[in-house]
Amino acid sequence: MQLQTNKQTEAPEWRCQLLFMIITPNWPEKVQFLMDFSFPLVDELLPRKEFIGGRIGYPKQVLFVWLLIKKITNWDYRTMASMASVSHPTLIRANRKFNEAGVYQKVLLRLVKDAYKKGLIKGEKVALDSSFVKTYSRKEELGSGGWNGHKESYGFKLHALIDANSGALIALIIGDGVTHDSQVAIPLLKKARPWLKKCGYVLADKGYDSSDIVEYIVKSLHAKATIPIKKINKGKNYNPRGAYQNWKEKAKGRCIKKSIYNKRTEVERLFSTLKRTFKLGRERIRGIKAFIGQTYLACICFMLRKLWGFGVVQI
């Protein structure tokens, strides 16, 4: 009986002690690096209006950081609002305002410039590719462009150009899910032109095997296209000599060294990080406009983590 009474008295005491415990949760490791950054650029892009009465709004830098944390954790707006001690409509409005004002795009551009100054982007070897992201509703949404037969889904495409040595993002184009990769290659290279002054090699897979793309790389960028040549199907009228001459003509301006081409995998790591670490494609959003905002947020988080190792903490 003595043992039974001890068990009955210990349990209530243990429960009461829990009420007075101070629990201080630690941020996930993938979020902690954000705590070192400040973003005065956000205040420059959206300066505070002159006070004319009423309640003063929340600091835009603070809201921007909370939106970055939301992107990494993929927590819902209500959870983030309770942690930030703001109302969840405030975070929703801030995200919409940042997206419409082009804040996300301009912050990412500043990060690319800082990476270039720090030597993280040299542009000697660059790689480009695209990644398909399904729509949240799994149905056709505004800007998805229709059904993608290859992926068997509706979605959007993220076209990216990176530095193949460091993996840092250089340029980005977001579009519908049906446009072929080769049609976006030249506009993407033109967008990244300021960072490709010392470009030596442009790496891409067979989907970019186009004479126009190779010609632009050779003549405009003065670089070599490390793009494999598609194999010719052997039909009834197949001529080995003619096929060899065709291959020889296509090989002009290209570098098909495997040791260089293998660096193309860095762009695949970018897409994997955006989707797995920064939860791109898991947001409960609809339409290409909202998808663009979330994609830029994920890319900002990616570049911040790259620059964090170089001591850059102010944007």
C-alpha atoms as a PDB file:
ATOM      1  CA  MET A   1       0.000   0.000   0.000  1.00  0.00           C
ATOM      2  CA  GLN A   2       2.879   2.315   0.714  1.00  0.00           C
ATOM      3  CA  LEU A   3       4.215   2.031  -2.842  1.00  0.00           C
ATOM      4  CA  GLN A   4       0.784   2.730  -4.281  1.00  0.00           C
ATOM      5  CA  THR A   5       0.347   5.965  -2.303  1.00  0.00           C
ATOM      6  CA  ASN A   6       3.790   7.205  -3.405  1.00  0.00           C
ATOM      7  CA  LYS A   7       2.868   6.756  -7.041  1.00  0.00           C
ATOM      8  CA  GLN A   8      -0.349   8.664  -6.567  1.00  0.00           C
ATOM      9  CA  THR A   9       1.374  11.625  -4.871  1.00  0.00           C
ATOM     10  CA  GLU A  10       4.366  11.835  -7.248  1.00  0.00           C
ATOM     11  CA  ALA A  11       2.334  12.171 -10.430  1.00  0.00           C
ATOM     12  CA  PRO A  12       0.398  15.351  -9.407  1.00  0.00           C
ATOM     13  CA  GLU A  13       3.614  16.986  -8.148  1.00  0.00           C
ATOM     14  CA  TRP A  14       5.327  16.236 -11.457  1.00  0.00           C
ATOM     15  CA  ARG A  15       2.416  17.726 -13.402  1.00  0.00           C
ATOM     16  CA  CYS A  16       2.414  20.883 -11.279  1.00  0.00           C
ATOM     17  CA  GLN A  17       6.128  21.393 -11.779  1.00  0.00           C
ATOM     18  CA  LEU A  18       5.646  21.373 -15.549  1.00  0.00           C
ATOM     19  CA  LEU A  19       3.405  24.436 -15.248  1.00  0.00           C
ATOM     20  CA  PHE A  20       6.314  26.489 -13.908  1.00  0.00           C
ATOM     21  CA  MET A  21       8.893  25.305 -16.443  1.00  0.00           C
ATOM     22  CA  ILE A  22      10.167  27.901 -18.923  1.00  0.00           C
ATOM     23  CA  ILE A  23      10.459  26.288 -22.344  1.00  0.00           C
ATOM     24  CA  THR A  24      12.631  28.151 -24.850  1.00  0.00           C
ATOM     25  CA  PRO A  25      12.367  26.450 -28.234  1.00  0.00           C
ATOM     26  CA  ASN A  26      15.371  26.579 -30.526  1.00  0.00           C
ATOM     27  CA  TRP A  27      14.968  27.568 -34.156  1.00  0.00           C
ATOM     28  CA  PRO A  28      15.643  24.823 -36.693  1.00  0.00           C
ATOM     29  CA  GLU A  29      19.222  24.848 -37.920  1.00  0.00           C
ATOM     30  CA  LYS A  30      18.128  25.753 -41.448  1.00  0.00           C
ATOM     31  CA  VAL A  31      16.526  28.952 -40.055  1.00  0.00           C
ATOM     32  CA  GLN A  32      19.237  30.112 -37.661  1.00  0.00           C
ATOM     33  CA  PHE A  33      21.437  31.695 -40.349  1.00  0.00           C
ATOM     34  CA  LEU A  34      18.648  34.181 -41.175  1.00  0.00           C
ATOM     35  CA  MET A  35      18.936  35.736 -37.710  1.00  0.00           C
ATOM     36  CA  ASP A  36      22.301  37.285 -38.678  1.00  0.00           C
ATOM     37  CA  PHE A  37      20.931  39.236 -41.651  1.00  0.00           C
ATOM     38  CA  SER A  38      19.480  42.724 -41.926  1.00  0.00           C
ATOM     39  CA  PHE A  39      17.688  44.054 -44.993  1.00  0.00           C
ATOM     40  CA  PRO A  40      17.898  47.872 -45.233  1.00  0.00           C
ATOM     41  CA  LEU A  41      17.273  47.479 -48.989  1.00  0.00           C
ATOM     42  CA  VAL A  42      13.649  46.574 -48.218  1.00  0.00           C
ATOM     43  CA  ASP A  43      13.144  49.912 -46.461  1.00  0.00           C
ATOM     44  CA  GLU A  44      14.773  51.704 -49.403  1.00  0.00           C
ATOM     45  CA  LEU A  45      12.457  50.024 -51.904  1.00  0.00           C
ATOM     46  CA  LEU A  46       9.356  50.626 -49.786  1.00  0.00           C
ATOM     47  CA  PRO A  47      10.018  53.746 -47.673  1.00  0.00           C
ATOM     48  CA  ARG A  48       7.687  54.464 -44.790  1.00  0.00           C
ATOM     49  CA  LYS A  49       5.047  57.040 -45.661  1.00  0.00           C
ATOM     50  CA  GLU A  50       4.744  60.240 -43.679  1.00  0.00           C
ATOM     51  CA  PHE A  51       2.741  59.685 -40.496  1.00  0.00           C
ATOM     52  CA  ILE A  52      -0.696  61.308 -40.724  1.00  0.00           C
ATOM     53  CA  GLY A  53      -2.401  59.569 -37.816  1.00  0.00           C
ATOM     54  CA  GLY A  54      -3.563  56.115 -36.894  1.00  0.00           C
ATOM     55  CA  ARG A  55      -1.560  53.087 -35.872  1.00  0.00           C
ATOM     56  CA  ILE A  56       2.045  52.892 -37.071  1.00  0.00           C
ATOM     57  CA  GLY A  57       2.659  49.851 -39.239  1.00  0.00           C
ATOM     58  CA  TYR A  58       5.127  47.059 -38.548  1.00  0.00           C
ATOM     59  CA  PRO A  59       8.746  47.430 -39.748  1.00  0.00           C
ATOM     60  CA  LYS A  60       9.009  46.041 -43.262  1.00  0.00           C
ATOM     61  CA  GLN A  61      12.380  44.417 -42.574  1.00  0.00           C
ATOM     62  CA  VAL A  62      10.824  42.377 -39.764  1.00  0.00           C
ATOM     63  CA  LEU A  63       7.924  41.243 -41.929  1.00  0.00           C
ATOM     64  CA  PHE A  64      10.358  40.343 -44.718  1.00  0.00           C
ATOM     65  CA  VAL A  65      12.396  38.101 -42.387  1.00  0.00           C
ATOM     66  CA  TRP A  66       9.261  36.369 -41.103  1.00  0.00           C
ATOM     67  CA  LEU A  67       8.209  35.644 -44.678  1.00  0.00           C
ATOM     68  CA  LEU A  68      11.643  34.114 -45.312  1.00  0.00           C
ATOM     69  CA  ILE A  69      11.241  31.935 -42.217  1.00  0.00           C
ATOM     70  CA  LYS A  70       7.800  30.892 -43.431  1.00  0.00           C
ATOM     71  CA  LYS A  71       9.294  29.908 -46.783  1.00  0.00           C
ATOM     72  CA  ILE A  72      11.920  27.701 -45.194  1.00  0.00           C
ATOM     73  CA  THR A  73       9.635  26.034 -42.644  1.00  0.00           C
ATOM     74  CA  ASN A  74       6.477  25.967 -44.817  1.00  0.00           C
ATOM     75  CA  TRP A  75       4.404  26.784 -41.739  1.00  0.00           C
ATOM     76  CA  ASP A  76       1.018  28.400 -42.341  1.00  0.00           C
ATOM     77  CA  TYR A  77       0.347  32.119 -41.974  1.00  0.00           C
ATOM     78  CA  ARG A  78      -1.519  31.759 -38.666  1.00  0.00           C
ATOM     79  CA  THR A  79       1.380  29.900 -37.036  1.00  0.00           C
ATOM     80  CA  MET A  80       3.920  32.445 -38.260  1.00  0.00           C
ATOM     81  CA  ALA A  81       1.680  35.351 -37.209  1.00  0.00           C
ATOM     82  CA  SER A  82       1.348  33.998 -33.670  1.00  0.00           C
ATOM     83  CA  MET A  83       5.128  33.626 -33.418  1.00  0.00           C
ATOM     84  CA  ALA A  84       5.740  37.097 -34.857  1.00  0.00           C
ATOM     85  CA  SER A  85       3.008  38.680 -32.679  1.00  0.00           C
ATOM     86  CA  VAL A  86       1.234  40.129 -35.711  1.00  0.00           C
ATOM     87  CA  SER A  87      -2.083  39.328 -37.326  1.00  0.00           C
ATOM     88  CA  HIS A  88      -1.968  36.775 -40.124  1.00  0.00           C
ATOM     89  CA  PRO A  89      -3.673  39.177 -42.608  1.00  0.00           C
ATOM     90  CA  THR A  90      -0.713  41.518 -42.011  1.00  0.00           C
ATOM     91  CA  LEU A  91       1.728  38.859 -43.258  1.00  0.00           C
ATOM     92  CA  ILE A  92      -0.514  38.044 -46.211  1.00  0.00           C
ATOM     93  CA  ARG A  93      -0.730  41.713 -47.213  1.00  0.00           C
ATOM     94  CA  ALA A  94       3.020  42.152 -46.786  1.00  0.00           C
ATOM     95  CA  ASN A  95       3.742  39.181 -49.049  1.00  0.00           C
ATOM     96  CA  ARG A  96       1.361  40.528 -51.695  1.00  0.00           C
ATOM     97  CA  LYS A  97       2.840  44.018 -51.464  1.00  0.00           C
ATOM     98  CA  PHE A  98       6.444  42.791 -51.721  1.00  0.00           C
ATOM     99  CA  ASN A  99       5.533  40.661 -54.729  1.00  0.00           C
ATOM    100  CA  GLU A 100       3.624  43.376 -56.600  1.00  0.00           C
ATOM    101  CA  ALA A 101       6.293  46.019 -55.911  1.00  0.00           C
ATOM    102  CA  GLY A 102       9.053  43.750 -57.235  1.00  0.00           C
ATOM    103  CA  VAL A 103      10.873  43.673 -53.893  1.00  0.00           C
ATOM    104  CA  TYR A 104      11.700  39.976 -54.140  1.00  0.00           C
ATOM    105  CA  GLN A 105      13.207  40.376 -57.617  1.00  0.00           C
ATOM    106  CA  LYS A 106      15.297  43.384 -56.595  1.00  0.00           C
ATOM    107  CA  VAL A 107      16.574  41.717 -53.418  1.00  0.00           C
ATOM    108  CA  LEU A 108      17.644  38.661 -55.425  1.00  0.00           C
ATOM    109  CA  LEU A 109      19.395  40.915 -57.945  1.00  0.00           C
ATOM    110  CA  ARG A 110      21.313  42.595 -55.099  1.00  0.00           C
ATOM    111  CA  LEU A 111      22.333  39.155 -53.805  1.00  0.00           C
ATOM    112  CA  VAL A 112      23.649  38.216 -57.262  1.00  0.00           C
ATOM    113  CA  LYS A 113      25.656  41.469 -57.385  1.00  0.00           C
ATOM    114  CA  ASP A 114      27.117  40.811 -53.927  1.00  0.00           C
ATOM    115  CA  ALA A 115      28.013  37.260 -54.940  1.00  0.00           C
ATOM    116  CA  TYR A 116      29.768  38.610 -58.040  1.00  0.00           C
ATOM    117  CA  LYS A 117      31.755  41.129 -55.975  1.00  0.00           C
ATOM    118  CA  LYS A 118      32.765  38.450 -53.464  1.00  0.00           C
ATOM    119  CA  GLY A 119      34.016  36.177 -56.231  1.00  0.00           C
ATOM    120  CA  LEU A 120      31.301  33.596 -55.651  1.00  0.00           C
ATOM    121  CA  ILE A 121      30.168  34.176 -59.241  1.00  0.00           C
ATOM    122  CA  LYS A 122      32.996  34.176 -61.781  1.00  0.00           C
ATOM    123  CA  GLY A 123      31.008  33.010 -64.784  1.00  0.00           C
ATOM    124  CA  GLU A 124      33.822  30.919 -66.253  1.00  0.00           C
ATOM    125  CA  LYS A 125      31.592  27.846 -66.408  1.00  0.00           C
ATOM    126  CA  VAL A 126      27.829  28.291 -66.265  1.00  0.00           C
ATOM    127  CA  ALA A 127      25.055  25.717 -66.454  1.00  0.00           C
ATOM    128  CA  LEU A 128      21.413  26.142 -67.391  1.00  0.00           C
ATOM    129  CA  ASP A 129      18.384  23.903 -67.096  1.00  0.00           C
ATOM    130  CA  SER A 130      14.706  23.974 -66.181  1.00  0.00           C
ATOM    131  CA  SER A 131      12.555  22.284 -63.558  1.00  0.00           C
ATOM    132  CA  PHE A 132       8.832  21.550 -63.720  1.00  0.00           C
ATOM    133  CA  VAL A 133       6.649  22.306 -60.686  1.00  0.00           C
ATOM    134  CA  LYS A 134       3.080  20.992 -60.570  1.00  0.00           C
ATOM    135  CA  THR A 135       0.229  23.341 -59.750  1.00  0.00           C
ATOM    136  CA  TYR A 136      -1.083  23.073 -56.207  1.00  0.00           C
ATOM    137  CA  SER A 137      -4.611  22.299 -57.389  1.00  0.00           C
ATOM    138  CA  ARG A 138      -3.316  19.742 -59.932  1.00  0.00           C
ATOM    139  CA  LYS A 139      -5.578  21.554 -62.380  1.00  0.00           C
ATOM    140  CA  GLU A 140      -4.995  24.252 -64.975  1.00  0.00           C
ATOM    141  CA  GLU A 141      -4.280  27.586 -63.310  1.00  0.00           C
ATOM    142  CA  LEU A 142      -3.681  31.093 -64.573  1.00  0.00           C
ATOM    143  CA  GLY A 143      -0.334  31.098 -66.385  1.00  0.00           C
ATOM    144  CA  SER A 144       0.207  27.320 -66.417  1.00  0.00           C
ATOM    145  CA  GLY A 145      -0.204  27.238 -70.205  1.00  0.00           C
ATOM    146  CA  GLY A 146      -2.121  23.976 -70.452  1.00  0.00           C
ATOM    147  CA  TRP A 147      -1.436  20.276 -70.115  1.00  0.00           C
ATOM    148  CA  ASN A 148       2.171  19.048 -70.215  1.00  0.00           C
ATOM    149  CA  GLY A 149       2.033  15.654 -71.881  1.00  0.00           C
ATOM    150  CA  HIS A 150       5.592  14.717 -70.921  1.00  0.00           C
ATOM    151  CA  LYS A 151       5.071  15.428 -67.210  1.00  0.00           C
ATOM    152  CA  GLU A 152       1.398  14.410 -67.415  1.00  0.00           C
ATOM    153  CA  SER A 153       0.335  17.362 -65.320  1.00  0.00           C
ATOM    154  CA  TYR A 154      -0.366  21.087 -65.236  1.00  0.00           C
ATOM    155  CA  GLY A 155       2.368  23.281 -63.847  1.00  0.00           C
ATOM    156  CA  PHE A 156       5.003  25.982 -64.215  1.00  0.00           C
ATOM    157  CA  LYS A 157       8.646  25.922 -65.265  1.00  0.00           C
ATOM    158  CA  LEU A 158      11.611  27.436 -63.502  1.00  0.00           C
ATOM    159  CA  HIS A 159      14.511  28.200 -65.875  1.00  0.00           C
ATOM    160  CA  ALA A 160      17.802  28.896 -64.082  1.00  0.00           C
ATOM    161  CA  LEU A 161      21.408  29.746 -64.944  1.00  0.00           C
ATOM    162  CA  ILE A 162      24.056  29.107 -62.295  1.00  0.00           C
ATOM    163  CA  ASP A 163      27.801  29.309 -61.796  1.00  0.00           C
ATOM    164  CA  ALA A 164      28.880  25.691 -62.271  1.00  0.00           C
ATOM    165  CA  ASN A 165      31.866  26.023 -59.928  1.00  0.00           C
ATOM    166  CA  SER A 166      30.148  27.549 -56.883  1.00  0.00           C
ATOM    167  CA  GLY A 167      26.510  26.649 -57.574  1.00  0.00           C
ATOM    168  CA  ALA A 168      25.423  30.271 -57.071  1.00  0.00           C
ATOM    169  CA  LEU A 169      22.350  31.447 -58.965  1.00  0.00           C
ATOM    170  CA  ILE A 170      22.962  34.015 -61.710  1.00  0.00           C
ATOM    171  CA  ALA A 171      19.678  34.468 -63.583  1.00  0.00           C
ATOM    172  CA  LEU A 172      16.122  33.227 -63.425  1.00  0.00           C
ATOM    173  CA  ILE A 173      13.075  33.095 -65.713  1.00  0.00           C
ATOM    174  CA  ILE A 174       9.715  31.696 -64.610  1.00  0.00           C
ATOM    175  CA  GLY A 175       7.110  30.717 -67.184  1.00  0.00           C
ATOM    176  CA  ASP A 176       4.360  28.307 -68.109  1.00  0.00           C
ATOM    177  CA  GLY A 177       4.804  24.567 -67.999  1.00  0.00           C
ATOM    178  CA  VAL A 178       4.606  23.845 -71.730  1.00  0.00           C
ATOM    179  CA  THR A 179       7.226  26.118 -73.337  1.00  0.00           C
ATOM    180  CA  HIS A 180      10.256  24.109 -74.469  1.00  0.00           C
ATOM    181  CA  ASP A 181      13.529  24.731 -72.651  1.00  0.00           C
ATOM    182  CA  SER A 182      15.389  25.687 -75.826  1.00  0.00           C
ATOM    183  CA  GLN A 183      13.058  28.649 -76.428  1.00  0.00           C
ATOM    184  CA  VAL A 184      14.045  30.245 -73.116  1.00  0.00           C
ATOM    185  CA  ALA A 185      17.814  29.594 -73.314  1.00  0.00           C
ATOM    186  CA  ILE A 186      18.840  32.703 -75.268  1.00  0.00           C
ATOM    187  CA  PRO A 187      16.630  35.137 -73.247  1.00  0.00           C
ATOM    188  CA  LEU A 188      18.087  33.607 -70.065  1.00  0.00           C
ATOM    189  CA  LEU A 189      21.669  34.062 -71.296  1.00  0.00           C
ATOM    190  CA  LYS A 190      20.897  37.645 -72.325  1.00  0.00           C
ATOM    191  CA  LYS A 191      19.522  38.356 -68.864  1.00  0.00           C
ATOM    192  CA  ALA A 192      22.742  37.038 -67.302  1.00  0.00           C
ATOM    193  CA  ARG A 193      25.036  38.850 -69.748  1.00  0.00           C
ATOM    194  CA  PRO A 194      26.495  41.335 -67.186  1.00  0.00           C
ATOM    195  CA  TRP A 195      27.904  38.420 -65.156  1.00  0.00           C
ATOM    196  CA  LEU A 196      29.305  36.462 -68.125  1.00  0.00           C
ATOM    197  CA  LYS A 197      32.214  38.720 -69.111  1.00  0.00           C
ATOM    198  CA  LYS A 198      34.723  35.899 -68.588  1.00  0.00           C
ATOM    199  CA  CYS A 199      32.490  33.063 -69.708  1.00  0.00           C
ATOM    200  CA  GLY A 200      34.352  30.091 -71.169  1.00  0.00           C
ATOM    201  CA  TYR A 201      31.795  27.276 -71.198  1.00  0.00           C
ATOM    202  CA  VAL A 202      27.996  27.064 -71.201  1.00  0.00           C
ATOM    203  CA  LEU A 203      26.783  23.681 -69.984  1.00  0.00           C
ATOM    204  CA  ALA A 204      23.384  22.187 -70.843  1.00  0.00           C
ATOM    205  CA  ASP A 205      21.752  18.849 -71.673  1.00  0.00           C
ATOM    206  CA  LYS A 206      20.556  17.561 -75.045  1.00  0.00           C
ATOM    207  CA  GLY A 207      17.306  19.489 -74.759  1.00  0.00           C
ATOM    208  CA  TYR A 208      19.306  22.616 -75.664  1.00  0.00           C
ATOM    209  CA  ASP A 209      20.893  21.090 -78.772  1.00  0.00           C
ATOM    210  CA  SER A 210      20.005  23.911 -81.163  1.00  0.00           C
ATOM    211  CA  SER A 211      22.134  25.646 -83.783  1.00  0.00           C
ATOM    212  CA  ASP A 212      20.723  29.043 -82.729  1.00  0.00           C
ATOM    213  CA  ILE A 213      21.738  28.517 -79.098  1.00  0.00           C
ATOM    214  CA  VAL A 214      25.246  27.337 -80.028  1.00  0.00           C
ATOM    215  CA  GLU A 215      25.671  30.274 -82.423  1.00  0.00           C
ATOM    216  CA  TYR A 216      24.654  32.768 -79.726  1.00  0.00           C
ATOM    217  CA  ILE A 217      27.070  31.220 -77.210  1.00  0.00           C
ATOM    218  CA  VAL A 218      29.971  31.283 -79.669  1.00  0.00           C
ATOM    219  CA  LYS A 219      29.408  34.695 -81.295  1.00  0.00           C
ATOM    220  CA  SER A 220      27.857  36.748 -78.478  1.00  0.00           C
ATOM    221  CA  LEU A 221      29.466  35.242 -75.378  1.00  0.00           C
ATOM    222  CA  HIS A 222      32.711  34.137 -77.079  1.00  0.00           C
ATOM    223  CA  ALA A 223      32.419  30.848 -75.210  1.00  0.00           C
ATOM    224  CA  LYS A 224      32.071  27.165 -76.023  1.00  0.00           C
ATOM    225  CA  ALA A 225      28.812  25.259 -75.821  1.00  0.00           C
ATOM    226  CA  THR A 226      29.158  22.100 -73.757  1.00  0.00           C
ATOM    227  CA  ILE A 227      25.942  20.596 -75.102  1.00  0.00           C
ATOM    228  CA  PRO A 228      25.775  16.963 -76.269  1.00  0.00           C
ATOM    229  CA  ILE A 229      24.660  16.350 -79.844  1.00  0.00           C
ATOM    230  CA  LYS A 230      21.472  14.361 -80.294  1.00  0.00           C
ATOM    231  CA  LYS A 231      21.836  11.019 -81.988  1.00  0.00           C
ATOM    232  CA  ILE A 232      20.328  10.604 -85.466  1.00  0.00           C
ATOM    233  CA  ASN A 233      17.817   7.806 -85.839  1.00  0.00           C
ATOM    234  CA  LYS A 234      18.993   5.224 -88.354  1.00  0.00           C
ATOM    235  CA  GLY A 235      16.254   4.931 -90.946  1.00  0.00           C
ATOM    236  CA  LYS A 236      16.086   3.384 -94.404  1.00  0.00           C
ATOM    237  CA  ASN A 237      17.963   6.276 -96.015  1.00  0.00           C
ATOM    238  CA  TYR A 238      20.670   6.448 -93.329  1.00  0.00           C
ATOM    239  CA  ASN A 239      24.048   7.431 -94.758  1.00  0.00           C
ATOM    240  CA  PRO A 240      27.028   6.953 -92.378  1.00  0.00           C
ATOM    241  CA  ARG A 241      29.192   9.441 -94.259  1.00  0.00           C
ATOM    242  CA  GLY A 242      26.464  12.053 -94.331  1.00  0.00           C
ATOM    243  CA  ALA A 243      25.729  11.486 -90.645  1.00  0.00           C
ATOM    244  CA  TYR A 244      29.402  11.977 -89.795  1.00  0.00           C
ATOM    245  CA  GLN A 245      29.563  15.207 -91.824  1.00  0.00           C
ATOM    246  CA  ASN A 246      26.431  16.433 -90.063  1.00  0.00           C
ATOM    247  CA  TRP A 247      27.921  15.600 -86.653  1.00  0.00           C
ATOM    248  CA  LYS A 248      31.205  17.289 -87.607  1.00  0.00           C
ATOM    249  CA  GLU A 249      29.346  20.448 -88.630  1.00  0.00           C
ATOM    250  CA  LYS A 250      27.337  20.488 -85.406  1.00  0.00           C
ATOM    251  CA  ALA A 251      30.446  19.951 -83.290  1.00  0.00           C
ATOM    252  CA  LYS A 252      31.873  23.335 -84.314  1.00  0.00           C
ATOM    253  CA  GLY A 253      31.941  25.720 -81.356  1.00  0.00           C
ATOM    254  CA  ARG A 254      31.306  22.917 -78.871  1.00  0.00           C
ATOM    255  CA  CYS A 255      33.368  21.287 -76.158  1.00  0.00           C
ATOM    256  CA  ILE A 256      32.296  17.742 -75.387  1.00  0.00           C
ATOM    257  CA  LYS A 257      34.739  16.959 -72.576  1.00  0.00           C
ATOM    258  CA  LYS A 258      33.056  14.792 -69.976  1.00  0.00           C
ATOM    259  CA  SER A 259      35.068  16.319 -67.130  1.00  0.00           C
ATOM    260  CA  ILE A 260      33.554  19.736 -67.928  1.00  0.00           C
ATOM    261  CA  TYR A 261      30.064  18.493 -68.762  1.00  0.00           C
ATOM    262  CA  ASN A 262      29.781  16.690 -65.400  1.00  0.00           C
ATOM    263  CA  LYS A 263      29.732  20.071 -63.645  1.00  0.00           C
ATOM    264  CA  ARG A 264      26.243  20.555 -65.081  1.00  0.00           C
ATOM    265  CA  THR A 265      24.891  18.583 -62.134  1.00  0.00           C
ATOM    266  CA  GLU A 266      25.202  21.734 -59.986  1.00  0.00           C
ATOM    267  CA  VAL A 267      22.027  23.111 -61.535  1.00  0.00           C
ATOM    268  CA  GLU A 268      20.203  19.906 -60.590  1.00  0.00           C
ATOM    269  CA  ARG A 269      21.353  20.430 -56.990  1.00  0.00           C
ATOM    270  CA  LEU A 270      19.871  23.918 -57.095  1.00  0.00           C
ATOM    271  CA  PHE A 271      16.435  22.590 -58.039  1.00  0.00           C
ATOM    272  CA  SER A 272      16.686  19.840 -55.430  1.00  0.00           C
ATOM    273  CA  THR A 273      17.537  22.360 -52.709  1.00  0.00           C
ATOM    274  CA  LEU A 274      14.725  24.715 -53.704  1.00  0.00           C
ATOM    275  CA  LYS A 275      12.167  21.901 -53.584  1.00  0.00           C
ATOM    276  CA  ARG A 276      13.365  19.878 -50.595  1.00  0.00           C
ATOM    277  CA  THR A 277      14.951  22.445 -48.290  1.00  0.00           C
ATOM    278  CA  PHE A 278      12.965  25.557 -49.180  1.00  0.00           C
ATOM    279  CA  LYS A 279       9.676  23.752 -49.956  1.00  0.00           C
ATOM    280  CA  LEU A 280       9.144  25.150 -53.454  1.00  0.00           C
ATOM    281  CA  GLY A 281       5.975  23.629 -54.906  1.00  0.00           C
ATOM    282  CA  ARG A 282       4.386  22.787 -51.543  1.00  0.00           C
ATOM    283  CA  GLU A 283       2.747  26.162 -50.962  1.00  0.00           C
ATOM    284  CA  ARG A 284      -1.024  26.442 -50.963  1.00  0.00           C
ATOM    285  CA  ILE A 285      -1.129  28.998 -53.740  1.00  0.00           C
ATOM    286  CA  ARG A 286      -2.702  29.294 -57.164  1.00  0.00           C
ATOM    287  CA  GLY A 287      -1.637  31.102 -60.322  1.00  0.00           C
ATOM    288  CA  ILE A 288       1.704  32.042 -61.800  1.00  0.00           C
ATOM    289  CA  LYS A 289       1.831  35.418 -60.042  1.00  0.00           C
ATOM    290  CA  ALA A 290       1.844  33.819 -56.595  1.00  0.00           C
ATOM    291  CA  PHE A 291       4.226  31.105 -57.812  1.00  0.00           C
ATOM    292  CA  ILE A 292       6.717  33.736 -59.011  1.00  0.00           C
ATOM    293  CA  GLY A 293       6.745  35.342 -55.569  1.00  0.00           C
ATOM    294  CA  GLN A 294       7.336  32.032 -53.787  1.00  0.00           C
ATOM    295  CA  THR A 295      10.060  31.050 -56.266  1.00  0.00           C
ATOM    296  CA  TYR A 296      11.949  34.292 -55.683  1.00  0.00           C
ATOM    297  CA  LEU A 297      11.614  33.839 -51.915  1.00  0.00           C
ATOM    298  CA  ALA A 298      13.103  30.338 -52.185  1.00  0.00           C
ATOM    299  CA  CYS A 299      15.957  31.636 -54.373  1.00  0.00           C
ATOM    300  CA  ILE A 300      16.639  34.466 -51.896  1.00  0.00           C
ATOM    301  CA  CYS A 301      16.954  31.901 -49.090  1.00  0.00           C
ATOM    302  CA  PHE A 302      19.286  29.834 -51.281  1.00  0.00           C
ATOM    303  CA  MET A 303      21.565  32.789 -52.054  1.00  0.00           C
ATOM    304  CA  LEU A 304      21.541  34.025 -48.459  1.00  0.00           C
ATOM    305  CA  ARG A 305      22.851  30.686 -47.303  1.00  0.00           C
ATOM    306  CA  LYS A 306      25.577  30.857 -49.963  1.00  0.00           C
ATOM    307  CA  LEU A 307      26.636  34.380 -48.963  1.00  0.00           C
ATOM    308  CA  TRP A 308      26.411  33.670 -45.235  1.00  0.00           C
ATOM    309  CA  GLY A 309      29.583  31.607 -45.489  1.00  0.00           C
ATOM    310  CA  PHE A 310      31.361  34.652 -47.004  1.00  0.00           C
ATOM    311  CA  GLY A 311      30.438  36.917 -44.102  1.00  0.00           C
ATOM    312  CA  VAL A 312      27.753  38.937 -45.921  1.00  0.00           C
ATOM    313  CA  VAL A 313      25.019  39.765 -43.383  1.00  0.00           C
ATOM    314  CA  GLN A 314      23.556  43.031 -44.674  1.00  0.00           C
ATOM    315  CA  ILE A 315      21.526  43.343 -47.862  1.00  0.00           C
END
